[in-house]
Structures are given as structure tokens and as C-alpha cells.
Amino acid sequence: MKRALVGDIGGTNARFALWENNRMHSVQVFATADYTSPEQAIGAYLLAQGLVRGDLGAVCLAVAGPVNGDAFRFTNNHWRLSREAFCKTLHIEQLLLINDFTAMALGMTRLQPHECLGVCPGQAEARRPAVVIGPGTGLGVGTLLGLDDGRWMALPGEGGHVDLPVGDAREAQIRQQIANETGHVSAETVLSGGGLLRLYQAICALDGQAPVLQSPAAITDAALAGDALALAVIEQFCRFLGRVAGNNVLTLGGRGGVYIVGGIVPRFAELFLRSGFAESFAAKGCMSGYFKGIPVWLVTAEFSGLLGAGVALQQS
């Protein structure tokens, strides 16, 4: 049997690996901006691995955006893909396209104990949905459900684009300040890399301070160095994330737990663990008691999406 390739393609980076004997190896990361198409990036990966087109029997790509039909347009980068043209170009027999957070959710089934931190204590209930949510270039949301036959089902969706929830007057002011600039304010408008900068600028405007930080990384660095304004921005970011995660739990009956993933939150893990996330997560009025015993984990694993793509390929 020919080896397979798995890929996890986001807005900024494309991660590729080989999948053999239900295991992943030879991971490489490529900047999407450096290539005109996924075919070109995969061609570069194959060359680096000493492989040629035709050496792969199957490919599973986890892609950011809704998957339908032959054509796919990536949500947060300039790439486009046609299933038919992709298979013809790379001499592939099977192409499986799945939503990136479908893959991320499936990747949680391969998570090792040392690859996550406990945020809220509890015990995951078997056969109940788990919520997988992660701020990165965008905001991804997925659902993981264990089946009676031992397989896993990941439900795709676009939960990052729900309206941003607010819990008090200050948050309403922040939301309105952002709406003045962007119009509609989705959860992703704030809970993403660009959203962190947008949140900082909104808080500066409300507090009458001149914004001096110019990137999400600069805000994170300043917060870690103890800057009061940057700390307030990170705190608010965590609280908004708690509200969105809690809404998803109520909608899905997500007593299987919550996994916080993505590239942003692990960068300030200690601040996150001390933040008001847990308070906002469960602040649901008459339904606040529902959240007792629902575990929340911060995932620090680097390539969960790739592993999930492999699980999807294996189950297919």
C-alpha cells in the first residue's frame, strides 16, 4: 500500500506529514504566503522528503472553511483548490478534504496527558459531545462525539462566526467600539490574532490612551512583562473566550469537556489559567449550575490537526 500524506492548512501555515501504519512522521511547516497553491507547497514537501508525484496513494487535507463540492476556497489565505485538478496534478488516487476543526477535534483522540493543562476540574461524560475551540488566524470551533463502535465523529461547523456575546456594560462598550470600525462583530472579530490587536485598540480608545503596540505578539509580550494595559486586554480576551465556549457547551450539551486549542492562548498559558475565563465560562444565569463538573483543558500539543487528519483518513 502506498504511503499517505496528511495536511493541516490554516491561514498562515500549512503543515504536512506522512501517514503510515496509522502513525504520523516527517512533519514540515510551510508558510502559505510563499506558495501559489496547495499543490505547489505539497510538491516542495515531496521534494524535501525525496518523493515524487505518484508516490502517494491518498491525501487528507484539513482546511479552514466549509467543504462542499469540487471547488474549495480557503477562508484565511489566497489558496484555491479543485479536487479533480489536485488529484490529476499530484497523481493522487484519493483526496479527503475535511474542515480544519473537524481534524482538530479528531486530533483530541490522540492527545497525551503531558500535552494539556487543566483549566476547570471535572470528569468528561462518555458519549456526550466535547467542544473544541481555538483562536488562531481565525476562530475555529468543532464538536467531538464518541460512537458506540469505538469510532469518533467530528461535527464540522462555523461556530467562530457567531455573534460576539457580552456579559456586562463594559463589554457592551467594547463591542460597540469595534462595531464602529468593522460593522458586524463576530466572535472571530475579537478571538483571533487580528482580533487581539482590534481588542487592544478598542480598549485604548475607550480609556483615552494612544495605542503604541502594533501586533498581537507585541501585546502578548507586553502582558507577560507586566504592562497593565496589555494585561487588561489579555484578561478581556480570556473572558470573551469563556463566554463563547460556554455558549457552545449549552448549545451542544457539551458535557464531554472543552478543549482550548490554537496557537494564541498557549503563548500566555499562565495568564490564561489565572484569568476570568472560568468565571465567564459558567456565568449563564439560571443555567450556571450546568457547568459544574465539566472539565476544560488547554491543549499545548503542536500538531493535533495533522493527527486528526490521519485519524479521519484511517476511519475512511
C-alpha atoms as a PDB file:
ATOM      1  CA  MET A   1       0.000   0.000   0.000  1.00  0.00           C
ATOM      2  CA  LYS A   2       1.275   3.461  -0.899  1.00  0.00           C
ATOM      3  CA  ARG A   3       2.033   5.903   1.877  1.00  0.00           C
ATOM      4  CA  ALA A   4      -0.423   8.722   2.538  1.00  0.00           C
ATOM      5  CA  LEU A   5       0.039  12.399   3.203  1.00  0.00           C
ATOM      6  CA  VAL A   6      -1.842  14.445   5.775  1.00  0.00           C
ATOM      7  CA  GLY A   7      -2.029  18.204   5.835  1.00  0.00           C
ATOM      8  CA  ASP A   8      -3.361  20.884   8.159  1.00  0.00           C
ATOM      9  CA  ILE A   9      -3.732  24.163   6.294  1.00  0.00           C
ATOM     10  CA  GLY A  10      -4.612  27.353   8.111  1.00  0.00           C
ATOM     11  CA  GLY A  11      -4.462  30.990   7.209  1.00  0.00           C
ATOM     12  CA  THR A  12      -0.742  31.404   7.887  1.00  0.00           C
ATOM     13  CA  ASN A  13       0.877  27.962   7.849  1.00  0.00           C
ATOM     14  CA  ALA A  14       0.455  24.645   6.056  1.00  0.00           C
ATOM     15  CA  ARG A  15       1.677  21.603   7.957  1.00  0.00           C
ATOM     16  CA  PHE A  16       2.340  18.339   6.138  1.00  0.00           C
ATOM     17  CA  ALA A  17       3.365  14.870   7.292  1.00  0.00           C
ATOM     18  CA  LEU A  18       3.456  11.311   6.028  1.00  0.00           C
ATOM     19  CA  TRP A  19       0.961   8.812   7.451  1.00  0.00           C
ATOM     20  CA  GLU A  20       1.979   5.145   7.538  1.00  0.00           C
ATOM     21  CA  ASN A  21       0.776   2.265   9.729  1.00  0.00           C
ATOM     22  CA  ASN A  22      -1.632   4.646  11.467  1.00  0.00           C
ATOM     23  CA  ARG A  23       1.246   6.833  12.607  1.00  0.00           C
ATOM     24  CA  MET A  24       2.498  10.259  11.582  1.00  0.00           C
ATOM     25  CA  HIS A  25       6.088  11.203  10.794  1.00  0.00           C
ATOM     26  CA  SER A  26       8.250  13.685   8.870  1.00  0.00           C
ATOM     27  CA  VAL A  27       6.358  16.855   9.800  1.00  0.00           C
ATOM     28  CA  GLN A  28       7.240  20.061   7.951  1.00  0.00           C
ATOM     29  CA  VAL A  29       5.663  23.510   8.123  1.00  0.00           C
ATOM     30  CA  PHE A  30       5.343  25.858   5.131  1.00  0.00           C
ATOM     31  CA  ALA A  31       4.205  29.495   5.040  1.00  0.00           C
ATOM     32  CA  THR A  32       1.147  29.728   2.802  1.00  0.00           C
ATOM     33  CA  ALA A  33       2.275  33.158   1.588  1.00  0.00           C
ATOM     34  CA  ASP A  34       5.342  31.560  -0.034  1.00  0.00           C
ATOM     35  CA  TYR A  35       3.328  29.361  -2.419  1.00  0.00           C
ATOM     36  CA  THR A  36       0.636  29.976  -5.004  1.00  0.00           C
ATOM     37  CA  SER A  37      -1.342  26.799  -4.314  1.00  0.00           C
ATOM     38  CA  PRO A  38      -1.506  23.737  -2.058  1.00  0.00           C
ATOM     39  CA  GLU A  39      -0.219  21.634  -4.974  1.00  0.00           C
ATOM     40  CA  GLN A  40       2.929  23.749  -5.174  1.00  0.00           C
ATOM     41  CA  ALA A  41       3.515  23.535  -1.408  1.00  0.00           C
ATOM     42  CA  ILE A  42       2.978  19.761  -1.387  1.00  0.00           C
ATOM     43  CA  GLY A  43       5.351  19.464  -4.337  1.00  0.00           C
ATOM     44  CA  ALA A  44       8.004  21.223  -2.252  1.00  0.00           C
ATOM     45  CA  TYR A  45       7.284  18.876   0.659  1.00  0.00           C
ATOM     46  CA  LEU A  46       7.599  15.784  -1.527  1.00  0.00           C
ATOM     47  CA  LEU A  47      10.904  17.052  -2.906  1.00  0.00           C
ATOM     48  CA  ALA A  48      12.226  17.588   0.633  1.00  0.00           C
ATOM     49  CA  GLN A  49      11.223  14.019   1.529  1.00  0.00           C
ATOM     50  CA  GLY A  50      12.855  12.504  -1.563  1.00  0.00           C
ATOM     51  CA  LEU A  51       9.477  11.577  -3.052  1.00  0.00           C
ATOM     52  CA  VAL A  52       7.885  12.253  -6.419  1.00  0.00           C
ATOM     53  CA  ARG A  53       4.326  12.709  -7.625  1.00  0.00           C
ATOM     54  CA  GLY A  54       2.654   9.337  -7.757  1.00  0.00           C
ATOM     55  CA  ASP A  55       4.331   8.050  -4.588  1.00  0.00           C
ATOM     56  CA  LEU A  56       1.245   8.897  -2.537  1.00  0.00           C
ATOM     57  CA  GLY A  57      -1.882   6.772  -2.564  1.00  0.00           C
ATOM     58  CA  ALA A  58      -4.084   9.139  -0.568  1.00  0.00           C
ATOM     59  CA  VAL A  59      -4.127  12.643   0.846  1.00  0.00           C
ATOM     60  CA  CYS A  60      -6.246  14.072   3.650  1.00  0.00           C
ATOM     61  CA  LEU A  61      -6.201  17.843   3.969  1.00  0.00           C
ATOM     62  CA  ALA A  62      -7.713  19.693   6.905  1.00  0.00           C
ATOM     63  CA  VAL A  63      -8.719  23.067   5.506  1.00  0.00           C
ATOM     64  CA  ALA A  64     -10.025  26.283   7.049  1.00  0.00           C
ATOM     65  CA  GLY A  65     -13.549  26.806   5.769  1.00  0.00           C
ATOM     66  CA  PRO A  66     -16.728  24.927   4.785  1.00  0.00           C
ATOM     67  CA  VAL A  67     -16.128  21.930   2.493  1.00  0.00           C
ATOM     68  CA  ASN A  68     -18.594  21.316  -0.359  1.00  0.00           C
ATOM     69  CA  GLY A  69     -18.359  20.085  -3.957  1.00  0.00           C
ATOM     70  CA  ASP A  70     -15.289  20.070  -6.188  1.00  0.00           C
ATOM     71  CA  ALA A  71     -14.024  23.612  -5.597  1.00  0.00           C
ATOM     72  CA  PHE A  72     -12.705  24.911  -2.297  1.00  0.00           C
ATOM     73  CA  ARG A  73     -11.614  28.433  -1.439  1.00  0.00           C
ATOM     74  CA  PHE A  74      -9.549  28.858   1.711  1.00  0.00           C
ATOM     75  CA  THR A  75     -11.093  31.290   4.180  1.00  0.00           C
ATOM     76  CA  ASN A  76      -7.963  32.980   5.540  1.00  0.00           C
ATOM     77  CA  ASN A  77      -5.394  32.695   2.745  1.00  0.00           C
ATOM     78  CA  HIS A  78      -5.208  33.143  -1.033  1.00  0.00           C
ATOM     79  CA  TRP A  79      -5.204  29.449  -1.997  1.00  0.00           C
ATOM     80  CA  ARG A  80      -7.909  27.701  -4.005  1.00  0.00           C
ATOM     81  CA  LEU A  81      -8.336  24.013  -4.750  1.00  0.00           C
ATOM     82  CA  SER A  82     -10.209  21.840  -7.221  1.00  0.00           C
ATOM     83  CA  ARG A  83     -10.440  18.206  -6.129  1.00  0.00           C
ATOM     84  CA  GLU A  84     -10.228  16.924  -9.707  1.00  0.00           C
ATOM     85  CA  ALA A  85      -7.289  19.136 -10.679  1.00  0.00           C
ATOM     86  CA  PHE A  86      -5.473  18.400  -7.403  1.00  0.00           C
ATOM     87  CA  CYS A  87      -5.632  14.629  -7.907  1.00  0.00           C
ATOM     88  CA  LYS A  88      -4.577  14.948 -11.539  1.00  0.00           C
ATOM     89  CA  THR A  89      -1.648  17.247 -10.755  1.00  0.00           C
ATOM     90  CA  LEU A  90      -0.236  15.146  -7.911  1.00  0.00           C
ATOM     91  CA  HIS A  91      -1.290  11.725  -9.294  1.00  0.00           C
ATOM     92  CA  ILE A  92      -3.407  11.033  -6.215  1.00  0.00           C
ATOM     93  CA  GLU A  93      -5.934   8.202  -6.069  1.00  0.00           C
ATOM     94  CA  GLN A  94      -7.902   9.541  -3.083  1.00  0.00           C
ATOM     95  CA  LEU A  95      -8.319  13.059  -1.705  1.00  0.00           C
ATOM     96  CA  LEU A  96     -10.218  13.566   1.524  1.00  0.00           C
ATOM     97  CA  LEU A  97     -10.998  17.194   2.368  1.00  0.00           C
ATOM     98  CA  ILE A  98     -12.204  17.931   5.893  1.00  0.00           C
ATOM     99  CA  ASN A  99     -12.765  21.105   7.862  1.00  0.00           C
ATOM    100  CA  ASP A 100      -9.715  22.076   9.905  1.00  0.00           C
ATOM    101  CA  PHE A 101     -11.616  21.907  13.164  1.00  0.00           C
ATOM    102  CA  THR A 102     -13.058  18.533  12.257  1.00  0.00           C
ATOM    103  CA  ALA A 103      -9.420  17.436  12.137  1.00  0.00           C
ATOM    104  CA  MET A 104      -8.570  19.309  15.313  1.00  0.00           C
ATOM    105  CA  ALA A 105     -11.464  17.609  17.107  1.00  0.00           C
ATOM    106  CA  LEU A 106     -10.356  14.161  15.908  1.00  0.00           C
ATOM    107  CA  GLY A 107      -6.826  15.022  16.998  1.00  0.00           C
ATOM    108  CA  MET A 108      -8.044  15.204  20.598  1.00  0.00           C
ATOM    109  CA  THR A 109      -8.473  11.415  20.459  1.00  0.00           C
ATOM    110  CA  ARG A 110      -4.667  11.105  20.213  1.00  0.00           C
ATOM    111  CA  LEU A 111      -3.885  13.667  22.924  1.00  0.00           C
ATOM    112  CA  GLN A 112      -1.285  12.598  25.502  1.00  0.00           C
ATOM    113  CA  PRO A 113      -1.582  13.585  29.194  1.00  0.00           C
ATOM    114  CA  HIS A 114       1.501  15.819  29.057  1.00  0.00           C
ATOM    115  CA  GLU A 115       0.061  17.758  26.096  1.00  0.00           C
ATOM    116  CA  CYS A 116      -2.653  19.618  28.021  1.00  0.00           C
ATOM    117  CA  LEU A 117      -3.165  21.716  31.149  1.00  0.00           C
ATOM    118  CA  GLY A 118      -6.232  21.551  33.384  1.00  0.00           C
ATOM    119  CA  VAL A 119      -8.281  24.758  33.395  1.00  0.00           C
ATOM    120  CA  CYS A 120     -11.520  23.651  35.039  1.00  0.00           C
ATOM    121  CA  PRO A 121     -11.731  20.389  37.011  1.00  0.00           C
ATOM    122  CA  GLY A 122     -14.293  17.732  36.208  1.00  0.00           C
ATOM    123  CA  GLN A 123     -14.979  14.386  34.600  1.00  0.00           C
ATOM    124  CA  ALA A 124     -15.867  14.090  30.921  1.00  0.00           C
ATOM    125  CA  GLU A 125     -19.105  12.184  30.394  1.00  0.00           C
ATOM    126  CA  ALA A 126     -18.858   9.320  27.904  1.00  0.00           C
ATOM    127  CA  ARG A 127     -20.947   9.601  24.737  1.00  0.00           C
ATOM    128  CA  ARG A 128     -21.577  13.288  25.338  1.00  0.00           C
ATOM    129  CA  PRO A 129     -20.241  15.913  22.933  1.00  0.00           C
ATOM    130  CA  ALA A 130     -16.941  17.653  23.600  1.00  0.00           C
ATOM    131  CA  VAL A 131     -16.308  21.208  22.399  1.00  0.00           C
ATOM    132  CA  VAL A 132     -13.037  22.050  20.651  1.00  0.00           C
ATOM    133  CA  ILE A 133     -12.413  25.793  20.284  1.00  0.00           C
ATOM    134  CA  GLY A 134      -9.294  27.653  19.289  1.00  0.00           C
ATOM    135  CA  PRO A 135      -8.255  31.219  18.488  1.00  0.00           C
ATOM    136  CA  GLY A 136      -5.574  31.431  15.802  1.00  0.00           C
ATOM    137  CA  THR A 137      -5.566  33.257  12.476  1.00  0.00           C
ATOM    138  CA  GLY A 138      -9.343  32.854  12.851  1.00  0.00           C
ATOM    139  CA  LEU A 139     -11.548  31.256  15.493  1.00  0.00           C
ATOM    140  CA  GLY A 140     -12.249  27.572  14.945  1.00  0.00           C
ATOM    141  CA  VAL A 141     -14.981  25.605  16.690  1.00  0.00           C
ATOM    142  CA  GLY A 142     -15.610  21.875  16.374  1.00  0.00           C
ATOM    143  CA  THR A 143     -17.511  19.115  18.135  1.00  0.00           C
ATOM    144  CA  LEU A 144     -16.224  15.641  19.002  1.00  0.00           C
ATOM    145  CA  LEU A 145     -18.545  12.719  19.697  1.00  0.00           C
ATOM    146  CA  GLY A 146     -17.593   9.150  20.604  1.00  0.00           C
ATOM    147  CA  LEU A 147     -19.644   6.438  18.874  1.00  0.00           C
ATOM    148  CA  ASP A 148     -20.736   3.089  20.248  1.00  0.00           C
ATOM    149  CA  ASP A 149     -18.471   1.162  17.845  1.00  0.00           C
ATOM    150  CA  GLY A 150     -15.330   2.865  19.159  1.00  0.00           C
ATOM    151  CA  ARG A 151     -15.055   5.272  16.239  1.00  0.00           C
ATOM    152  CA  TRP A 152     -15.228   9.032  16.523  1.00  0.00           C
ATOM    153  CA  MET A 153     -17.426  11.566  14.798  1.00  0.00           C
ATOM    154  CA  ALA A 154     -16.365  15.178  14.423  1.00  0.00           C
ATOM    155  CA  LEU A 155     -19.125  17.599  13.509  1.00  0.00           C
ATOM    156  CA  PRO A 156     -17.991  20.466  11.279  1.00  0.00           C
ATOM    157  CA  GLY A 157     -19.359  23.953  11.704  1.00  0.00           C
ATOM    158  CA  GLU A 158     -18.574  27.632  11.548  1.00  0.00           C
ATOM    159  CA  GLY A 159     -19.102  28.482  15.224  1.00  0.00           C
ATOM    160  CA  GLY A 160     -16.341  31.080  15.169  1.00  0.00           C
ATOM    161  CA  HIS A 161     -18.646  33.360  13.194  1.00  0.00           C
ATOM    162  CA  VAL A 162     -21.459  33.563  15.754  1.00  0.00           C
ATOM    163  CA  ASP A 163     -22.154  36.990  17.226  1.00  0.00           C
ATOM    164  CA  LEU A 164     -19.785  38.058  19.997  1.00  0.00           C
ATOM    165  CA  PRO A 165     -21.598  37.690  23.347  1.00  0.00           C
ATOM    166  CA  VAL A 166     -21.317  40.384  26.016  1.00  0.00           C
ATOM    167  CA  GLY A 167     -21.847  39.988  29.743  1.00  0.00           C
ATOM    168  CA  ASP A 168     -21.701  43.495  31.200  1.00  0.00           C
ATOM    169  CA  ALA A 169     -21.774  47.199  30.323  1.00  0.00           C
ATOM    170  CA  ARG A 170     -18.008  47.410  29.760  1.00  0.00           C
ATOM    171  CA  GLU A 171     -18.091  44.557  27.255  1.00  0.00           C
ATOM    172  CA  ALA A 172     -21.028  46.214  25.510  1.00  0.00           C
ATOM    173  CA  GLN A 173     -18.941  49.368  25.145  1.00  0.00           C
ATOM    174  CA  ILE A 174     -16.024  47.376  23.750  1.00  0.00           C
ATOM    175  CA  ARG A 175     -18.278  45.598  21.281  1.00  0.00           C
ATOM    176  CA  GLN A 176     -19.802  48.881  20.115  1.00  0.00           C
ATOM    177  CA  GLN A 177     -16.370  50.469  19.730  1.00  0.00           C
ATOM    178  CA  ILE A 178     -15.294  47.587  17.499  1.00  0.00           C
ATOM    179  CA  ALA A 179     -18.593  47.667  15.599  1.00  0.00           C
ATOM    180  CA  ASN A 180     -17.940  51.313  14.768  1.00  0.00           C
ATOM    181  CA  GLU A 181     -14.884  50.116  12.835  1.00  0.00           C
ATOM    182  CA  THR A 182     -15.943  46.734  11.459  1.00  0.00           C
ATOM    183  CA  GLY A 183     -19.729  46.649  11.319  1.00  0.00           C
ATOM    184  CA  HIS A 184     -20.783  43.153  12.331  1.00  0.00           C
ATOM    185  CA  VAL A 185     -18.838  41.811  15.325  1.00  0.00           C
ATOM    186  CA  SER A 186     -18.485  38.046  15.320  1.00  0.00           C
ATOM    187  CA  ALA A 187     -16.653  36.015  17.945  1.00  0.00           C
ATOM    188  CA  GLU A 188     -13.752  35.723  15.499  1.00  0.00           C
ATOM    189  CA  THR A 189     -13.608  39.515  15.162  1.00  0.00           C
ATOM    190  CA  VAL A 190     -12.116  39.544  18.676  1.00  0.00           C
ATOM    191  CA  LEU A 191     -10.980  35.970  19.359  1.00  0.00           C
ATOM    192  CA  SER A 192      -8.201  35.677  16.789  1.00  0.00           C
ATOM    193  CA  GLY A 193      -4.744  37.088  16.158  1.00  0.00           C
ATOM    194  CA  GLY A 194      -6.089  40.165  14.402  1.00  0.00           C
ATOM    195  CA  GLY A 195      -8.879  40.283  16.954  1.00  0.00           C
ATOM    196  CA  LEU A 196      -6.444  40.625  19.852  1.00  0.00           C
ATOM    197  CA  LEU A 197      -4.995  43.744  18.209  1.00  0.00           C
ATOM    198  CA  ARG A 198      -8.522  45.021  17.489  1.00  0.00           C
ATOM    199  CA  LEU A 199      -9.475  44.487  21.135  1.00  0.00           C
ATOM    200  CA  TYR A 200      -6.381  46.385  22.298  1.00  0.00           C
ATOM    201  CA  GLN A 201      -7.190  49.329  20.018  1.00  0.00           C
ATOM    202  CA  ALA A 202     -10.805  49.408  21.210  1.00  0.00           C
ATOM    203  CA  ILE A 203      -9.794  49.439  24.887  1.00  0.00           C
ATOM    204  CA  CYS A 204      -7.257  52.176  24.191  1.00  0.00           C
ATOM    205  CA  ALA A 205      -9.962  54.275  22.517  1.00  0.00           C
ATOM    206  CA  LEU A 206     -12.407  53.781  25.390  1.00  0.00           C
ATOM    207  CA  ASP A 207      -9.782  54.623  28.014  1.00  0.00           C
ATOM    208  CA  GLY A 208      -8.349  57.607  26.153  1.00  0.00           C
ATOM    209  CA  GLN A 209      -4.911  56.058  25.654  1.00  0.00           C
ATOM    210  CA  ALA A 210      -2.823  56.219  22.495  1.00  0.00           C
ATOM    211  CA  PRO A 211      -2.218  52.713  21.074  1.00  0.00           C
ATOM    212  CA  VAL A 212       1.515  52.025  20.849  1.00  0.00           C
ATOM    213  CA  LEU A 213       1.559  48.257  20.324  1.00  0.00           C
ATOM    214  CA  GLN A 214       1.281  47.197  16.709  1.00  0.00           C
ATOM    215  CA  SER A 215       0.876  43.416  16.691  1.00  0.00           C
ATOM    216  CA  PRO A 216      -0.701  40.542  18.648  1.00  0.00           C
ATOM    217  CA  ALA A 217       2.792  39.318  19.567  1.00  0.00           C
ATOM    218  CA  ALA A 218       3.699  42.750  20.963  1.00  0.00           C
ATOM    219  CA  ILE A 219       0.550  42.758  23.116  1.00  0.00           C
ATOM    220  CA  THR A 220       1.311  39.286  24.447  1.00  0.00           C
ATOM    221  CA  ASP A 221       4.936  40.195  25.167  1.00  0.00           C
ATOM    222  CA  ALA A 222       3.900  43.370  26.962  1.00  0.00           C
ATOM    223  CA  ALA A 223       1.385  41.471  29.094  1.00  0.00           C
ATOM    224  CA  LEU A 224       3.976  38.860  30.028  1.00  0.00           C
ATOM    225  CA  ALA A 225       6.299  41.729  31.010  1.00  0.00           C
ATOM    226  CA  GLY A 226       3.646  43.119  33.345  1.00  0.00           C
ATOM    227  CA  ASP A 227       2.245  46.042  31.312  1.00  0.00           C
ATOM    228  CA  ALA A 228      -1.092  46.943  32.933  1.00  0.00           C
ATOM    229  CA  LEU A 229      -2.950  47.840  29.740  1.00  0.00           C
ATOM    230  CA  ALA A 230      -1.770  44.743  27.885  1.00  0.00           C
ATOM    231  CA  LEU A 231      -2.748  42.608  30.889  1.00  0.00           C
ATOM    232  CA  ALA A 232      -6.245  44.122  30.811  1.00  0.00           C
ATOM    233  CA  VAL A 233      -6.525  43.272  27.109  1.00  0.00           C
ATOM    234  CA  ILE A 234      -5.465  39.659  27.674  1.00  0.00           C
ATOM    235  CA  GLU A 235      -7.898  39.384  30.589  1.00  0.00           C
ATOM    236  CA  GLN A 236     -10.769  40.642  28.437  1.00  0.00           C
ATOM    237  CA  PHE A 237      -9.766  38.290  25.620  1.00  0.00           C
ATOM    238  CA  CYS A 238      -9.952  35.348  28.044  1.00  0.00           C
ATOM    239  CA  ARG A 239     -13.338  36.437  29.342  1.00  0.00           C
ATOM    240  CA  PHE A 240     -14.799  36.708  25.846  1.00  0.00           C
ATOM    241  CA  LEU A 241     -13.398  33.251  25.070  1.00  0.00           C
ATOM    242  CA  GLY A 242     -15.086  31.912  28.196  1.00  0.00           C
ATOM    243  CA  ARG A 243     -18.446  33.317  27.127  1.00  0.00           C
ATOM    244  CA  VAL A 244     -18.217  31.840  23.629  1.00  0.00           C
ATOM    245  CA  ALA A 245     -17.042  28.454  24.909  1.00  0.00           C
ATOM    246  CA  GLY A 246     -19.860  28.388  27.469  1.00  0.00           C
ATOM    247  CA  ASN A 247     -22.454  29.188  24.804  1.00  0.00           C
ATOM    248  CA  ASN A 248     -21.227  26.246  22.763  1.00  0.00           C
ATOM    249  CA  VAL A 249     -21.466  23.918  25.752  1.00  0.00           C
ATOM    250  CA  LEU A 250     -25.093  24.904  26.341  1.00  0.00           C
ATOM    251  CA  THR A 251     -25.990  24.591  22.652  1.00  0.00           C
ATOM    252  CA  LEU A 252     -24.434  21.137  22.259  1.00  0.00           C
ATOM    253  CA  GLY A 253     -24.930  19.703  25.719  1.00  0.00           C
ATOM    254  CA  GLY A 254     -21.146  19.536  25.785  1.00  0.00           C
ATOM    255  CA  ARG A 255     -20.574  17.594  28.965  1.00  0.00           C
ATOM    256  CA  GLY A 256     -17.786  15.687  27.246  1.00  0.00           C
ATOM    257  CA  GLY A 257     -15.496  18.592  28.112  1.00  0.00           C
ATOM    258  CA  VAL A 258     -13.914  21.564  26.402  1.00  0.00           C
ATOM    259  CA  TYR A 259     -10.540  21.661  24.662  1.00  0.00           C
ATOM    260  CA  ILE A 260      -8.923  25.090  24.170  1.00  0.00           C
ATOM    261  CA  VAL A 261      -6.612  24.787  21.161  1.00  0.00           C
ATOM    262  CA  GLY A 262      -4.934  27.048  18.620  1.00  0.00           C
ATOM    263  CA  GLY A 263      -1.715  28.988  18.544  1.00  0.00           C
ATOM    264  CA  ILE A 264      -2.625  32.037  20.619  1.00  0.00           C
ATOM    265  CA  VAL A 265      -3.647  31.037  24.143  1.00  0.00           C
ATOM    266  CA  PRO A 266      -0.665  28.727  24.879  1.00  0.00           C
ATOM    267  CA  ARG A 267       1.600  31.756  24.434  1.00  0.00           C
ATOM    268  CA  PHE A 268       0.200  33.227  27.644  1.00  0.00           C
ATOM    269  CA  ALA A 269      -0.831  29.984  29.342  1.00  0.00           C
ATOM    270  CA  GLU A 270      -0.135  31.122  32.906  1.00  0.00           C
ATOM    271  CA  LEU A 271      -2.110  34.330  32.436  1.00  0.00           C
ATOM    272  CA  PHE A 272      -4.954  32.321  30.951  1.00  0.00           C
ATOM    273  CA  LEU A 273      -5.037  29.918  33.888  1.00  0.00           C
ATOM    274  CA  ARG A 274      -5.284  32.879  36.286  1.00  0.00           C
ATOM    275  CA  SER A 275      -7.823  34.791  34.186  1.00  0.00           C
ATOM    276  CA  GLY A 276     -11.575  35.175  34.440  1.00  0.00           C
ATOM    277  CA  PHE A 277     -12.130  32.547  31.735  1.00  0.00           C
ATOM    278  CA  ALA A 278     -13.663  30.012  34.134  1.00  0.00           C
ATOM    279  CA  GLU A 279     -15.962  32.628  35.684  1.00  0.00           C
ATOM    280  CA  SER A 280     -17.229  33.838  32.299  1.00  0.00           C
ATOM    281  CA  PHE A 281     -17.473  30.268  31.009  1.00  0.00           C
ATOM    282  CA  ALA A 282     -20.083  29.362  33.617  1.00  0.00           C
ATOM    283  CA  ALA A 283     -21.824  32.750  34.002  1.00  0.00           C
ATOM    284  CA  LYS A 284     -25.128  31.717  32.416  1.00  0.00           C
ATOM    285  CA  GLY A 285     -27.712  32.879  34.917  1.00  0.00           C
ATOM    286  CA  CYS A 286     -30.160  30.123  35.815  1.00  0.00           C
ATOM    287  CA  MET A 287     -28.028  27.607  33.857  1.00  0.00           C
ATOM    288  CA  SER A 288     -24.746  28.370  35.640  1.00  0.00           C
ATOM    289  CA  GLY A 289     -25.038  25.179  37.677  1.00  0.00           C
ATOM    290  CA  TYR A 290     -24.975  23.140  34.471  1.00  0.00           C
ATOM    291  CA  PHE A 291     -21.248  23.768  34.194  1.00  0.00           C
ATOM    292  CA  LYS A 292     -20.299  22.087  37.457  1.00  0.00           C
ATOM    293  CA  GLY A 293     -18.041  19.122  36.713  1.00  0.00           C
ATOM    294  CA  ILE A 294     -17.426  19.935  33.036  1.00  0.00           C
ATOM    295  CA  PRO A 295     -13.652  19.700  32.503  1.00  0.00           C
ATOM    296  CA  VAL A 296     -11.755  22.247  30.429  1.00  0.00           C
ATOM    297  CA  TRP A 297      -8.227  21.677  29.127  1.00  0.00           C
ATOM    298  CA  LEU A 298      -5.706  23.971  27.465  1.00  0.00           C
ATOM    299  CA  VAL A 299      -4.049  21.928  24.735  1.00  0.00           C
ATOM    300  CA  THR A 300      -0.337  22.507  24.166  1.00  0.00           C
ATOM    301  CA  ALA A 301       0.211  19.750  21.561  1.00  0.00           C
ATOM    302  CA  GLU A 302       1.784  21.146  18.413  1.00  0.00           C
ATOM    303  CA  PHE A 303       0.272  19.041  15.621  1.00  0.00           C
ATOM    304  CA  SER A 304      -3.182  17.911  16.729  1.00  0.00           C
ATOM    305  CA  GLY A 305      -4.750  18.928  13.416  1.00  0.00           C
ATOM    306  CA  LEU A 306      -2.334  16.736  11.484  1.00  0.00           C
ATOM    307  CA  LEU A 307      -3.028  13.788  13.761  1.00  0.00           C
ATOM    308  CA  GLY A 308      -6.746  14.364  13.320  1.00  0.00           C
ATOM    309  CA  ALA A 309      -6.358  14.311   9.550  1.00  0.00           C
ATOM    310  CA  GLY A 310      -4.666  10.953   9.935  1.00  0.00           C
ATOM    311  CA  VAL A 311      -7.491   9.655  12.126  1.00  0.00           C
ATOM    312  CA  ALA A 312     -10.010  10.821   9.520  1.00  0.00           C
ATOM    313  CA  LEU A 313      -8.081   9.041   6.784  1.00  0.00           C
ATOM    314  CA  GLN A 314      -7.825   5.910   8.909  1.00  0.00           C
ATOM    315  CA  GLN A 315     -11.563   5.898   9.639  1.00  0.00           C
ATOM    316  CA  SER A 316     -12.447   6.499   5.988  1.00  0.00           C
END
